[in-house]
Amino acid sequence: MLARAKAKYIRGSARKSRLVIDQIRGKRVSAALEVLEFSPKRAAHHIKECLNSAVANAVEKDSMIDVDDLVISKAVIDEGPAMKRIRPRAMGRAFRVIKRFNHITIELSNAES
């Protein structure tokens, strides 16, 4: 592991975000950024921000690093807490609405390792 970035308490379900993160796991950073740029999923924007943060962390850690050699070695989406709300329904009933959060973790390493 060369650098790591975490984005916590991101709105959206972890299941939907995992669809996007599975597309970029193991790829080079430049290829992953292209995939995220043109992805129609809402989670792609947050994952792209986290990936850019990981790249910035790698450059800050070692200024001589070549960004083109970085590979996404680990990319994980974990479930965060869920807000529970009540939605009124017919005949005095109440249905529960669950507003989900997730946590994004991205680790970068060199291509040769």
N, C-alpha and C. Protein backbone atom coordinates (compact mmCIF):
# COMPACT_ATOMS: atom_id res chain seq x y z
N MET A 1 0.84 -1.18 0.00
CA MET A 1 0.00 0.00 0.00
C MET A 1 0.89 1.25 0.00
N LEU A 2 0.64 2.10 -0.95
CA LEU A 2 1.39 3.34 -1.05
C LEU A 2 0.61 4.50 -0.45
N ALA A 3 -0.68 4.56 -0.75
CA ALA A 3 -1.51 5.65 -0.23
C ALA A 3 -2.94 5.14 -0.06
N ARG A 4 -3.67 5.79 0.83
CA ARG A 4 -5.04 5.40 1.13
C ARG A 4 -5.89 6.67 1.28
N ALA A 5 -7.16 6.55 0.89
CA ALA A 5 -8.11 7.64 1.10
C ALA A 5 -9.44 7.03 1.50
N LYS A 6 -10.13 7.71 2.41
CA LYS A 6 -11.44 7.26 2.86
C LYS A 6 -12.44 8.39 2.70
N ALA A 7 -13.63 8.04 2.27
CA ALA A 7 -14.74 8.99 2.24
C ALA A 7 -15.84 8.35 3.06
N LYS A 8 -16.25 9.03 4.11
CA LYS A 8 -17.21 8.43 5.04
C LYS A 8 -18.54 9.17 4.98
N TYR A 9 -19.59 8.44 5.32
CA TYR A 9 -20.96 8.97 5.41
C TYR A 9 -21.44 9.55 4.08
N ILE A 10 -21.27 8.76 3.03
CA ILE A 10 -21.73 9.15 1.70
C ILE A 10 -23.14 8.63 1.52
N ARG A 11 -24.06 9.50 1.09
CA ARG A 11 -25.46 9.09 0.91
C ARG A 11 -25.58 8.12 -0.25
N GLY A 12 -26.39 7.10 -0.06
CA GLY A 12 -26.62 6.08 -1.08
C GLY A 12 -26.33 4.72 -0.51
N SER A 13 -26.91 3.71 -1.09
CA SER A 13 -26.74 2.36 -0.56
C SER A 13 -25.39 1.80 -0.99
N ALA A 14 -24.85 0.95 -0.15
CA ALA A 14 -23.56 0.32 -0.43
C ALA A 14 -23.69 -0.63 -1.61
N ARG A 15 -24.83 -1.26 -1.75
CA ARG A 15 -25.02 -2.23 -2.83
C ARG A 15 -24.92 -1.57 -4.20
N LYS A 16 -25.49 -0.39 -4.35
CA LYS A 16 -25.42 0.32 -5.62
C LYS A 16 -24.01 0.87 -5.88
N SER A 17 -23.34 1.29 -4.82
CA SER A 17 -21.98 1.82 -4.98
C SER A 17 -21.00 0.72 -5.34
N ARG A 18 -21.24 -0.50 -4.87
CA ARG A 18 -20.34 -1.61 -5.19
C ARG A 18 -20.36 -1.94 -6.67
N LEU A 19 -21.47 -1.66 -7.35
CA LEU A 19 -21.52 -1.89 -8.80
C LEU A 19 -20.48 -1.04 -9.52
N VAL A 20 -20.26 0.17 -9.03
CA VAL A 20 -19.30 1.08 -9.66
C VAL A 20 -17.87 0.72 -9.25
N ILE A 21 -17.67 0.42 -7.97
CA ILE A 21 -16.31 0.18 -7.48
C ILE A 21 -15.75 -1.11 -8.06
N ASP A 22 -16.61 -2.07 -8.40
CA ASP A 22 -16.16 -3.33 -9.00
C ASP A 22 -15.57 -3.10 -10.39
N GLN A 23 -15.99 -2.04 -11.06
CA GLN A 23 -15.50 -1.75 -12.41
C GLN A 23 -14.08 -1.21 -12.41
N ILE A 24 -13.64 -0.61 -11.31
CA ILE A 24 -12.32 0.04 -11.30
C ILE A 24 -11.28 -0.70 -10.48
N ARG A 25 -11.66 -1.69 -9.71
CA ARG A 25 -10.72 -2.40 -8.85
C ARG A 25 -9.65 -3.09 -9.70
N GLY A 26 -8.37 -2.86 -9.38
CA GLY A 26 -7.27 -3.48 -10.08
C GLY A 26 -6.78 -2.71 -11.30
N LYS A 27 -7.44 -1.64 -11.66
CA LYS A 27 -7.05 -0.87 -12.85
C LYS A 27 -6.05 0.22 -12.48
N ARG A 28 -5.40 0.75 -13.52
CA ARG A 28 -4.55 1.92 -13.33
C ARG A 28 -5.43 3.14 -13.04
N VAL A 29 -4.84 4.13 -12.40
CA VAL A 29 -5.61 5.30 -11.98
C VAL A 29 -6.19 6.05 -13.18
N SER A 30 -5.43 6.20 -14.24
CA SER A 30 -5.93 6.93 -15.41
C SER A 30 -7.13 6.23 -16.05
N ALA A 31 -7.05 4.90 -16.15
CA ALA A 31 -8.17 4.14 -16.72
C ALA A 31 -9.39 4.19 -15.81
N ALA A 32 -9.16 4.15 -14.51
CA ALA A 32 -10.27 4.20 -13.55
C ALA A 32 -10.97 5.56 -13.60
N LEU A 33 -10.19 6.63 -13.73
CA LEU A 33 -10.79 7.96 -13.81
C LEU A 33 -11.64 8.12 -15.06
N GLU A 34 -11.21 7.50 -16.17
CA GLU A 34 -12.02 7.56 -17.39
C GLU A 34 -13.34 6.81 -17.21
N VAL A 35 -13.29 5.66 -16.57
CA VAL A 35 -14.52 4.88 -16.33
C VAL A 35 -15.47 5.68 -15.45
N LEU A 36 -14.93 6.30 -14.41
CA LEU A 36 -15.78 7.06 -13.48
C LEU A 36 -16.34 8.33 -14.12
N GLU A 37 -15.58 8.93 -15.01
CA GLU A 37 -16.03 10.17 -15.66
C GLU A 37 -17.30 9.94 -16.47
N PHE A 38 -17.39 8.80 -17.13
CA PHE A 38 -18.51 8.56 -18.02
C PHE A 38 -19.55 7.60 -17.45
N SER A 39 -19.44 7.27 -16.20
CA SER A 39 -20.42 6.39 -15.57
C SER A 39 -21.68 7.18 -15.23
N PRO A 40 -22.86 6.65 -15.54
CA PRO A 40 -24.09 7.37 -15.23
C PRO A 40 -24.54 7.24 -13.77
N LYS A 41 -23.87 6.42 -13.00
CA LYS A 41 -24.27 6.17 -11.61
C LYS A 41 -23.91 7.37 -10.73
N ARG A 42 -24.76 7.63 -9.74
CA ARG A 42 -24.54 8.74 -8.82
C ARG A 42 -23.31 8.51 -7.95
N ALA A 43 -23.05 7.26 -7.61
CA ALA A 43 -21.93 6.94 -6.73
C ALA A 43 -20.59 7.20 -7.40
N ALA A 44 -20.54 7.24 -8.73
CA ALA A 44 -19.29 7.42 -9.45
C ALA A 44 -18.63 8.76 -9.09
N HIS A 45 -19.42 9.78 -8.87
CA HIS A 45 -18.88 11.10 -8.52
C HIS A 45 -18.13 11.03 -7.19
N HIS A 46 -18.72 10.39 -6.19
CA HIS A 46 -18.09 10.30 -4.87
C HIS A 46 -16.86 9.41 -4.90
N ILE A 47 -16.91 8.34 -5.68
CA ILE A 47 -15.76 7.45 -5.80
C ILE A 47 -14.62 8.16 -6.52
N LYS A 48 -14.95 8.98 -7.51
CA LYS A 48 -13.92 9.74 -8.23
C LYS A 48 -13.24 10.74 -7.30
N GLU A 49 -14.00 11.39 -6.45
CA GLU A 49 -13.41 12.33 -5.48
C GLU A 49 -12.46 11.61 -4.53
N CYS A 50 -12.87 10.43 -4.07
CA CYS A 50 -12.04 9.66 -3.15
C CYS A 50 -10.77 9.18 -3.85
N LEU A 51 -10.88 8.78 -5.11
CA LEU A 51 -9.72 8.33 -5.87
C LEU A 51 -8.74 9.49 -6.09
N ASN A 52 -9.26 10.67 -6.41
CA ASN A 52 -8.39 11.84 -6.56
C ASN A 52 -7.69 12.18 -5.25
N SER A 53 -8.37 11.99 -4.13
CA SER A 53 -7.77 12.23 -2.83
C SER A 53 -6.65 11.22 -2.55
N ALA A 54 -6.85 9.97 -2.94
CA ALA A 54 -5.81 8.96 -2.75
C ALA A 54 -4.58 9.27 -3.60
N VAL A 55 -4.79 9.75 -4.83
CA VAL A 55 -3.67 10.14 -5.69
C VAL A 55 -2.92 11.31 -5.07
N ALA A 56 -3.65 12.28 -4.55
CA ALA A 56 -3.02 13.43 -3.91
C ALA A 56 -2.23 13.00 -2.67
N ASN A 57 -2.77 12.02 -1.93
CA ASN A 57 -2.05 11.51 -0.76
C ASN A 57 -0.76 10.81 -1.18
N ALA A 58 -0.78 10.08 -2.29
CA ALA A 58 0.41 9.40 -2.78
C ALA A 58 1.47 10.40 -3.21
N VAL A 59 1.05 11.46 -3.89
CA VAL A 59 1.99 12.48 -4.34
C VAL A 59 2.57 13.24 -3.14
N GLU A 60 1.75 13.48 -2.14
CA GLU A 60 2.21 14.18 -0.94
C GLU A 60 3.22 13.32 -0.16
N LYS A 61 2.97 12.02 -0.16
CA LYS A 61 3.84 11.10 0.56
C LYS A 61 5.20 10.95 -0.13
N ASP A 62 5.17 10.87 -1.46
CA ASP A 62 6.41 10.71 -2.24
C ASP A 62 6.27 11.56 -3.50
N SER A 63 6.94 12.70 -3.52
CA SER A 63 6.78 13.64 -4.63
C SER A 63 7.40 13.14 -5.93
N MET A 64 8.27 12.14 -5.85
CA MET A 64 8.91 11.60 -7.04
C MET A 64 8.07 10.50 -7.71
N ILE A 65 6.93 10.18 -7.17
CA ILE A 65 6.10 9.10 -7.70
C ILE A 65 5.49 9.51 -9.03
N ASP A 66 5.41 8.55 -9.94
CA ASP A 66 4.76 8.78 -11.22
C ASP A 66 3.31 8.32 -11.10
N VAL A 67 2.39 9.24 -11.30
CA VAL A 67 0.97 8.95 -11.12
C VAL A 67 0.48 7.89 -12.11
N ASP A 68 1.12 7.81 -13.28
CA ASP A 68 0.71 6.83 -14.28
C ASP A 68 1.02 5.40 -13.87
N ASP A 69 1.92 5.22 -12.89
CA ASP A 69 2.28 3.87 -12.44
C ASP A 69 1.40 3.37 -11.30
N LEU A 70 0.51 4.21 -10.80
CA LEU A 70 -0.32 3.81 -9.66
C LEU A 70 -1.47 2.91 -10.10
N VAL A 71 -1.74 1.89 -9.27
CA VAL A 71 -2.81 0.93 -9.52
C VAL A 71 -3.70 0.88 -8.28
N ILE A 72 -4.99 0.70 -8.48
CA ILE A 72 -5.92 0.57 -7.37
C ILE A 72 -5.80 -0.85 -6.83
N SER A 73 -5.10 -1.01 -5.71
CA SER A 73 -4.86 -2.33 -5.16
C SER A 73 -6.03 -2.81 -4.30
N LYS A 74 -6.73 -1.89 -3.66
CA LYS A 74 -7.86 -2.26 -2.82
C LYS A 74 -8.92 -1.17 -2.92
N ALA A 75 -10.14 -1.58 -3.18
CA ALA A 75 -11.26 -0.63 -3.24
C ALA A 75 -12.46 -1.30 -2.59
N VAL A 76 -12.94 -0.71 -1.50
CA VAL A 76 -13.98 -1.34 -0.69
C VAL A 76 -15.09 -0.33 -0.41
N ILE A 77 -16.32 -0.83 -0.44
CA ILE A 77 -17.47 -0.04 0.00
C ILE A 77 -18.06 -0.74 1.21
N ASP A 78 -18.13 -0.05 2.33
CA ASP A 78 -18.72 -0.58 3.56
C ASP A 78 -20.01 0.15 3.86
N GLU A 79 -20.92 -0.53 4.54
CA GLU A 79 -22.17 0.12 4.94
C GLU A 79 -21.91 1.06 6.10
N GLY A 80 -22.58 2.19 6.06
CA GLY A 80 -22.53 3.13 7.15
C GLY A 80 -23.82 3.05 7.95
N PRO A 81 -24.06 4.01 8.80
CA PRO A 81 -25.31 4.02 9.56
C PRO A 81 -26.49 4.34 8.66
N ALA A 82 -27.67 4.03 9.14
CA ALA A 82 -28.88 4.29 8.36
C ALA A 82 -29.80 5.20 9.16
N MET A 83 -30.30 6.24 8.50
CA MET A 83 -31.31 7.10 9.14
C MET A 83 -32.67 6.45 8.93
N LYS A 84 -33.44 6.40 9.99
CA LYS A 84 -34.77 5.80 9.89
C LYS A 84 -35.81 6.91 10.02
N ARG A 85 -36.68 7.00 9.05
CA ARG A 85 -37.71 8.02 9.02
C ARG A 85 -39.07 7.36 8.85
N ILE A 86 -40.12 8.10 9.14
CA ILE A 86 -41.48 7.59 9.03
C ILE A 86 -42.19 8.32 7.90
N ARG A 87 -42.87 7.55 7.06
CA ARG A 87 -43.67 8.11 5.98
C ARG A 87 -45.14 7.78 6.24
N PRO A 88 -45.98 8.80 6.34
CA PRO A 88 -47.40 8.53 6.58
C PRO A 88 -48.05 7.82 5.40
N ARG A 89 -48.92 6.87 5.70
CA ARG A 89 -49.64 6.13 4.67
C ARG A 89 -51.13 6.17 4.97
N ALA A 90 -51.86 5.49 4.16
CA ALA A 90 -53.33 5.53 4.25
C ALA A 90 -53.83 4.93 5.56
N MET A 91 -54.98 5.39 6.00
CA MET A 91 -55.70 4.89 7.18
C MET A 91 -54.86 4.96 8.46
N GLY A 92 -54.04 6.01 8.59
CA GLY A 92 -53.31 6.24 9.82
C GLY A 92 -52.07 5.37 10.00
N ARG A 93 -51.72 4.61 9.01
CA ARG A 93 -50.54 3.76 9.14
C ARG A 93 -49.27 4.58 8.86
N ALA A 94 -48.15 3.99 9.25
CA ALA A 94 -46.86 4.64 9.01
C ALA A 94 -45.89 3.60 8.47
N PHE A 95 -45.19 3.93 7.38
CA PHE A 95 -44.19 3.05 6.82
C PHE A 95 -42.81 3.62 7.12
N ARG A 96 -41.85 2.74 7.30
CA ARG A 96 -40.50 3.17 7.61
C ARG A 96 -39.72 3.41 6.31
N VAL A 97 -39.00 4.51 6.28
CA VAL A 97 -38.10 4.84 5.18
C VAL A 97 -36.69 4.77 5.73
N ILE A 98 -35.83 4.00 5.09
CA ILE A 98 -34.45 3.86 5.54
C ILE A 98 -33.55 4.61 4.56
N LYS A 99 -32.85 5.61 5.05
CA LYS A 99 -31.93 6.39 4.23
C LYS A 99 -30.52 5.93 4.57
N ARG A 100 -29.89 5.27 3.59
CA ARG A 100 -28.64 4.57 3.84
C ARG A 100 -27.41 5.44 3.54
N PHE A 101 -26.30 5.09 4.21
CA PHE A 101 -25.00 5.72 4.01
C PHE A 101 -23.98 4.64 3.70
N ASN A 102 -22.85 5.03 3.12
CA ASN A 102 -21.76 4.09 2.91
C ASN A 102 -20.42 4.78 3.11
N HIS A 103 -19.39 3.95 3.28
CA HIS A 103 -18.02 4.43 3.44
C HIS A 103 -17.18 3.86 2.30
N ILE A 104 -16.37 4.72 1.68
CA ILE A 104 -15.51 4.32 0.56
C ILE A 104 -14.06 4.30 1.05
N THR A 105 -13.34 3.21 0.74
CA THR A 105 -11.91 3.11 1.05
C THR A 105 -11.18 2.70 -0.22
N ILE A 106 -10.18 3.48 -0.60
CA ILE A 106 -9.38 3.18 -1.79
C ILE A 106 -7.91 3.21 -1.41
N GLU A 107 -7.18 2.12 -1.78
CA GLU A 107 -5.74 2.04 -1.55
C GLU A 107 -5.03 1.92 -2.88
N LEU A 108 -3.94 2.65 -3.01
CA LEU A 108 -3.14 2.63 -4.25
C LEU A 108 -1.78 2.02 -3.97
N SER A 109 -1.23 1.37 -5.00
CA SER A 109 0.13 0.82 -4.92
C SER A 109 0.80 1.00 -6.26
N ASN A 110 2.07 0.68 -6.33
CA ASN A 110 2.81 0.76 -7.59
C ASN A 110 2.38 -0.38 -8.51
N ALA A 111 2.54 -0.18 -9.79
CA ALA A 111 2.10 -1.18 -10.77
C ALA A 111 2.93 -2.45 -10.68
N GLU A 112 4.21 -2.33 -10.38
CA GLU A 112 5.07 -3.52 -10.40
C GLU A 112 4.94 -4.37 -9.15
N SER A 113 4.41 -3.80 -8.05
CA SER A 113 4.31 -4.58 -6.81
C SER A 113 2.96 -5.26 -6.69
